Every structure is written in C-alpha cells, then in structure tokens.
C-alpha cells in the first residue's frame, strides 16, 4: 500500500467525518427547536393554570365572603318569636 493511497483514504474519511458532523449539528439543531417548542407550550399551560387558579381563588373568596356575610346577618337579625313551634327558624 502506498502512502498516496493512505492519504487519499484519510482525506476521504475526513470528508465523511465532516459530513457526519454537519448532519449531527442539523439533528441537534432540530432537537433543540423541538425542545424550545415544548418549553413554549409548557409556558402557555402554566400561564393558563396560573390564571385559572387565580380565578378559582377569587371565586372561592367571593363565595366565602358572601357566606360569612349571610351568617353574620343571621347572627345579627333579631330572634323571631312569631313562628310556630313545629316550624324551623327562617334564615335569610
């Protein structure tokens, strides 16, 4: 085997290696793009969950406030004596 043949083989292998490097860079770039898309979707989902949680908390707070207000109104209302004994007390 001559040195020229070895050098040609080496150059051919270097060329093939460079092609493989470029293909790997392209594959990794595609994977990174997909990861970026997934992360963007996760950010959207988290933003939706955060908004939903805030809305649910606000609704729960409003219901709780209304319930306590009704309870306080019942406590503050004068005791009704004009009901029959078999009739349950009337709550507002």
Foldseek 3Di string as FASTA:
>chain_A
DDPVVVVVVVVVVVVVVVVVVVVVVVVVVVVVVVVVVVVVVVVVVVVVVVVVVVVVVVVVVVVVVVVVVQVVCQVPDDFDPPDDPVDDGDGD
